[in-house]
Amino acid sequence: MRRLILMSVMLALAFPVRGAADVRRYLIYEEFIKKVEAGEVKSVTIETVGSIKGVLTDQGKEYEFETYRSFNAADDPLLKRLLRQHNVGVTTEIRDYTGMLWDMFEISICWIPPVVLVVLVIILVLVICLIRRIRKLHEALDASRGSEADQA
């Protein structure tokens, strides 16, 4: 039983999950502004659907980050001025909602195999426990039948 659980955990960890290899930070918008003011943001790509992606530096390492703005950040003159003041490289990307749907689809596809594996392992463990319990019941039933036959 322990071996089965250990094997299932090892199999679940064997699936490569997107985002495990690369480090991406999700920032709230206010935190993004603070990082720009602190000079930690190297470059940004502002999408027309409110997404802002970019590269920030933290303790000499570069990390990708993503944040969201409730409206089109590409049209925000204050944000553009702030980014210019802090020498942040800016690109603007026109993106429609189908791109966001595709991203959600990709993320869900990455998580489906490990989730299915965990569910299957749980079902397998439950079936094995059920089979063991049925065997014990059969053994008890056979033992009681044997003792009844001995008495007769």
C-alpha atoms as a PDB file:
ATOM      1  CA  MET A   1       0.000   0.000   0.000  1.00  0.00           C
ATOM      2  CA  ARG A   2       2.799   2.392   0.930  1.00  0.00           C
ATOM      3  CA  ARG A   3       4.654   1.520  -2.258  1.00  0.00           C
ATOM      4  CA  LEU A   4       1.558   2.323  -4.308  1.00  0.00           C
ATOM      5  CA  ILE A   5       1.190   5.739  -2.688  1.00  0.00           C
ATOM      6  CA  LEU A   6       4.904   6.451  -3.101  1.00  0.00           C
ATOM      7  CA  MET A   7       4.784   5.448  -6.779  1.00  0.00           C
ATOM      8  CA  SER A   8       1.736   7.629  -7.400  1.00  0.00           C
ATOM      9  CA  VAL A   9       3.427  10.658  -5.818  1.00  0.00           C
ATOM     10  CA  MET A  10       6.535  10.057  -7.927  1.00  0.00           C
ATOM     11  CA  LEU A  11       4.437   9.802 -11.094  1.00  0.00           C
ATOM     12  CA  ALA A  12       2.567  12.992 -10.260  1.00  0.00           C
ATOM     13  CA  LEU A  13       5.855  14.827  -9.776  1.00  0.00           C
ATOM     14  CA  ALA A  14       7.209  13.429 -13.046  1.00  0.00           C
ATOM     15  CA  PHE A  15       4.764  15.463 -15.150  1.00  0.00           C
ATOM     16  CA  PRO A  16       6.348  18.715 -16.254  1.00  0.00           C
ATOM     17  CA  VAL A  17       4.099  21.590 -15.273  1.00  0.00           C
ATOM     18  CA  ARG A  18       4.397  24.825 -17.213  1.00  0.00           C
ATOM     19  CA  GLY A  19       5.790  27.526 -15.006  1.00  0.00           C
ATOM     20  CA  ALA A  20       7.850  25.213 -12.840  1.00  0.00           C
ATOM     21  CA  ALA A  21      11.008  25.755 -14.890  1.00  0.00           C
ATOM     22  CA  ASP A  22      10.660  29.466 -15.489  1.00  0.00           C
ATOM     23  CA  VAL A  23       9.992  31.868 -12.668  1.00  0.00           C
ATOM     24  CA  ARG A  24       7.169  34.306 -13.335  1.00  0.00           C
ATOM     25  CA  ARG A  25       5.885  36.672 -10.731  1.00  0.00           C
ATOM     26  CA  TYR A  26       2.347  37.959 -10.695  1.00  0.00           C
ATOM     27  CA  LEU A  27       2.200  41.438  -9.264  1.00  0.00           C
ATOM     28  CA  ILE A  28      -0.712  43.600  -8.270  1.00  0.00           C
ATOM     29  CA  TYR A  29      -0.701  46.846 -10.229  1.00  0.00           C
ATOM     30  CA  GLU A  30       0.347  49.000  -7.271  1.00  0.00           C
ATOM     31  CA  GLU A  31       3.322  46.708  -6.616  1.00  0.00           C
ATOM     32  CA  PHE A  32       4.270  47.018 -10.301  1.00  0.00           C
ATOM     33  CA  ILE A  33       4.256  50.840 -10.006  1.00  0.00           C
ATOM     34  CA  LYS A  34       6.481  50.631  -6.892  1.00  0.00           C
ATOM     35  CA  LYS A  35       8.932  48.380  -8.747  1.00  0.00           C
ATOM     36  CA  VAL A  36       9.043  50.881 -11.652  1.00  0.00           C
ATOM     37  CA  GLU A  37       9.738  53.734  -9.230  1.00  0.00           C
ATOM     38  CA  ALA A  38      12.468  51.658  -7.555  1.00  0.00           C
ATOM     39  CA  GLY A  39      14.133  51.076 -10.939  1.00  0.00           C
ATOM     40  CA  GLU A  40      13.624  47.310 -10.837  1.00  0.00           C
ATOM     41  CA  VAL A  41      11.638  47.051 -14.082  1.00  0.00           C
ATOM     42  CA  LYS A  42      13.791  46.557 -17.177  1.00  0.00           C
ATOM     43  CA  SER A  43      11.155  46.328 -19.926  1.00  0.00           C
ATOM     44  CA  VAL A  44       7.406  45.951 -20.389  1.00  0.00           C
ATOM     45  CA  THR A  45       4.970  44.871 -23.054  1.00  0.00           C
ATOM     46  CA  ILE A  46       1.599  46.537 -22.634  1.00  0.00           C
ATOM     47  CA  GLU A  47      -1.279  44.649 -24.201  1.00  0.00           C
ATOM     48  CA  THR A  48      -4.472  46.386 -25.206  1.00  0.00           C
ATOM     49  CA  VAL A  49      -6.592  44.072 -23.061  1.00  0.00           C
ATOM     50  CA  GLY A  50      -5.025  45.341 -19.831  1.00  0.00           C
ATOM     51  CA  SER A  51      -2.212  42.845 -19.400  1.00  0.00           C
ATOM     52  CA  ILE A  52       1.270  44.181 -18.688  1.00  0.00           C
ATOM     53  CA  LYS A  53       4.139  41.710 -18.997  1.00  0.00           C
ATOM     54  CA  GLY A  54       7.791  42.396 -18.606  1.00  0.00           C
ATOM     55  CA  VAL A  55      11.159  41.740 -17.054  1.00  0.00           C
ATOM     56  CA  LEU A  56      12.249  42.938 -13.633  1.00  0.00           C
ATOM     57  CA  THR A  57      15.559  42.651 -11.867  1.00  0.00           C
ATOM     58  CA  ASP A  58      15.781  41.529  -8.269  1.00  0.00           C
ATOM     59  CA  GLN A  59      19.141  41.019  -6.544  1.00  0.00           C
ATOM     60  CA  GLY A  60      20.942  40.770  -9.885  1.00  0.00           C
ATOM     61  CA  LYS A  61      18.572  38.164 -11.355  1.00  0.00           C
ATOM     62  CA  GLU A  62      15.998  38.797 -14.037  1.00  0.00           C
ATOM     63  CA  TYR A  63      12.435  37.561 -13.662  1.00  0.00           C
ATOM     64  CA  GLU A  64       9.412  37.706 -15.892  1.00  0.00           C
ATOM     65  CA  PHE A  65       6.375  39.327 -14.341  1.00  0.00           C
ATOM     66  CA  GLU A  66       2.783  39.959 -15.230  1.00  0.00           C
ATOM     67  CA  THR A  67       0.190  42.349 -13.916  1.00  0.00           C
ATOM     68  CA  TYR A  68      -3.226  43.561 -15.028  1.00  0.00           C
ATOM     69  CA  ARG A  69      -4.879  46.911 -15.348  1.00  0.00           C
ATOM     70  CA  SER A  70      -8.669  47.169 -15.534  1.00  0.00           C
ATOM     71  CA  PHE A  71      -8.505  49.352 -18.639  1.00  0.00           C
ATOM     72  CA  ASN A  72      -6.177  49.829 -21.588  1.00  0.00           C
ATOM     73  CA  ALA A  73      -2.870  50.734 -19.969  1.00  0.00           C
ATOM     74  CA  ALA A  74      -1.392  51.573 -23.378  1.00  0.00           C
ATOM     75  CA  ASP A  75      -3.518  54.752 -23.392  1.00  0.00           C
ATOM     76  CA  ASP A  76      -2.499  55.873 -19.880  1.00  0.00           C
ATOM     77  CA  PRO A  77      -0.303  58.993 -20.229  1.00  0.00           C
ATOM     78  CA  LEU A  78       0.788  58.898 -16.565  1.00  0.00           C
ATOM     79  CA  LEU A  79       2.029  55.322 -16.893  1.00  0.00           C
ATOM     80  CA  LYS A  80       3.872  56.151 -20.114  1.00  0.00           C
ATOM     81  CA  ARG A  81       5.558  59.134 -18.458  1.00  0.00           C
ATOM     82  CA  LEU A  82       6.550  57.076 -15.401  1.00  0.00           C
ATOM     83  CA  LEU A  83       8.044  54.345 -17.581  1.00  0.00           C
ATOM     84  CA  ARG A  84       9.974  56.914 -19.650  1.00  0.00           C
ATOM     85  CA  GLN A  85      11.318  58.629 -16.498  1.00  0.00           C
ATOM     86  CA  HIS A  86      12.747  55.326 -15.260  1.00  0.00           C
ATOM     87  CA  ASN A  87      14.172  54.247 -18.656  1.00  0.00           C
ATOM     88  CA  VAL A  88      11.911  51.233 -18.995  1.00  0.00           C
ATOM     89  CA  GLY A  89      11.760  49.739 -22.480  1.00  0.00           C
ATOM     90  CA  VAL A  90       8.120  49.776 -23.636  1.00  0.00           C
ATOM     91  CA  THR A  91       6.378  47.902 -26.429  1.00  0.00           C
ATOM     92  CA  THR A  92       2.667  47.854 -27.089  1.00  0.00           C
ATOM     93  CA  GLU A  93       0.898  44.758 -28.346  1.00  0.00           C
ATOM     94  CA  ILE A  94      -2.582  44.703 -29.782  1.00  0.00           C
ATOM     95  CA  ARG A  95      -4.213  41.553 -28.576  1.00  0.00           C
ATOM     96  CA  ASP A  96      -7.765  40.366 -28.735  1.00  0.00           C
ATOM     97  CA  TYR A  97      -9.619  38.193 -26.266  1.00  0.00           C
ATOM     98  CA  THR A  98      -9.117  35.008 -28.260  1.00  0.00           C
ATOM     99  CA  GLY A  99      -5.434  35.164 -27.269  1.00  0.00           C
ATOM    100  CA  MET A 100      -6.408  35.244 -23.608  1.00  0.00           C
ATOM    101  CA  LEU A 101      -8.744  32.294 -24.130  1.00  0.00           C
ATOM    102  CA  TRP A 102      -5.917  30.370 -25.783  1.00  0.00           C
ATOM    103  CA  ASP A 103      -3.635  31.104 -22.798  1.00  0.00           C
ATOM    104  CA  MET A 104      -6.290  29.817 -20.419  1.00  0.00           C
ATOM    105  CA  PHE A 105      -6.653  26.710 -22.580  1.00  0.00           C
ATOM    106  CA  GLU A 106      -2.870  26.113 -22.534  1.00  0.00           C
ATOM    107  CA  ILE A 107      -2.741  26.461 -18.754  1.00  0.00           C
ATOM    108  CA  SER A 108      -5.641  24.064 -18.267  1.00  0.00           C
ATOM    109  CA  ILE A 109      -4.047  21.515 -20.605  1.00  0.00           C
ATOM    110  CA  CYS A 110      -0.859  21.629 -18.525  1.00  0.00           C
ATOM    111  CA  TRP A 111      -2.780  20.835 -15.346  1.00  0.00           C
ATOM    112  CA  ILE A 112      -5.102  18.147 -16.716  1.00  0.00           C
ATOM    113  CA  PRO A 113      -2.622  15.191 -16.731  1.00  0.00           C
ATOM    114  CA  PRO A 114      -1.495  15.571 -13.091  1.00  0.00           C
ATOM    115  CA  VAL A 115      -5.066  16.089 -11.873  1.00  0.00           C
ATOM    116  CA  VAL A 116      -6.305  13.052 -13.812  1.00  0.00           C
ATOM    117  CA  LEU A 117      -3.395  11.018 -12.454  1.00  0.00           C
ATOM    118  CA  VAL A 118      -4.174  11.978  -8.864  1.00  0.00           C
ATOM    119  CA  VAL A 119      -7.863  11.148  -9.336  1.00  0.00           C
ATOM    120  CA  LEU A 120      -6.997   7.771 -10.877  1.00  0.00           C
ATOM    121  CA  VAL A 121      -4.608   6.959  -8.030  1.00  0.00           C
ATOM    122  CA  ILE A 122      -7.282   7.825  -5.474  1.00  0.00           C
ATOM    123  CA  ILE A 123      -9.781   5.589  -7.275  1.00  0.00           C
ATOM    124  CA  LEU A 124      -7.186   2.800  -7.449  1.00  0.00           C
ATOM    125  CA  VAL A 125      -6.449   3.052  -3.727  1.00  0.00           C
ATOM    126  CA  LEU A 126     -10.173   2.970  -2.928  1.00  0.00           C
ATOM    127  CA  VAL A 127     -10.707  -0.085  -5.145  1.00  0.00           C
ATOM    128  CA  ILE A 128      -7.765  -1.906  -3.536  1.00  0.00           C
ATOM    129  CA  CYS A 129      -9.125  -1.125  -0.058  1.00  0.00           C
ATOM    130  CA  LEU A 130     -12.564  -2.346  -1.114  1.00  0.00           C
ATOM    131  CA  ILE A 131     -11.144  -5.585  -2.539  1.00  0.00           C
ATOM    132  CA  ARG A 132      -9.201  -6.238   0.676  1.00  0.00           C
ATOM    133  CA  ARG A 133     -12.302  -5.646   2.761  1.00  0.00           C
ATOM    134  CA  ILE A 134     -14.357  -8.003   0.567  1.00  0.00           C
ATOM    135  CA  ARG A 135     -11.654 -10.685   0.898  1.00  0.00           C
ATOM    136  CA  LYS A 136     -11.719 -10.349   4.693  1.00  0.00           C
ATOM    137  CA  LEU A 137     -15.513 -10.657   4.660  1.00  0.00           C
ATOM    138  CA  HIS A 138     -15.283 -13.774   2.477  1.00  0.00           C
ATOM    139  CA  GLU A 139     -12.672 -15.275   4.806  1.00  0.00           C
ATOM    140  CA  ALA A 140     -14.864 -14.552   7.815  1.00  0.00           C
ATOM    141  CA  LEU A 141     -17.881 -15.998   6.027  1.00  0.00           C
ATOM    142  CA  ASP A 142     -15.939 -19.126   5.010  1.00  0.00           C
ATOM    143  CA  ALA A 143     -14.671 -19.508   8.576  1.00  0.00           C
ATOM    144  CA  SER A 144     -18.205 -19.238   9.970  1.00  0.00           C
ATOM    145  CA  ARG A 145     -19.499 -21.779   7.409  1.00  0.00           C
ATOM    146  CA  GLY A 146     -16.651 -24.110   8.319  1.00  0.00           C
ATOM    147  CA  SER A 147     -17.461 -23.889  12.030  1.00  0.00           C
ATOM    148  CA  GLU A 148     -21.177 -24.529  11.280  1.00  0.00           C
ATOM    149  CA  ALA A 149     -20.243 -27.608   9.224  1.00  0.00           C
ATOM    150  CA  ASP A 150     -18.039 -28.891  12.081  1.00  0.00           C
ATOM    151  CA  GLN A 151     -20.933 -28.497  14.537  1.00  0.00           C
ATOM    152  CA  ALA A 152     -23.353 -30.395  12.317  1.00  0.00           C
END
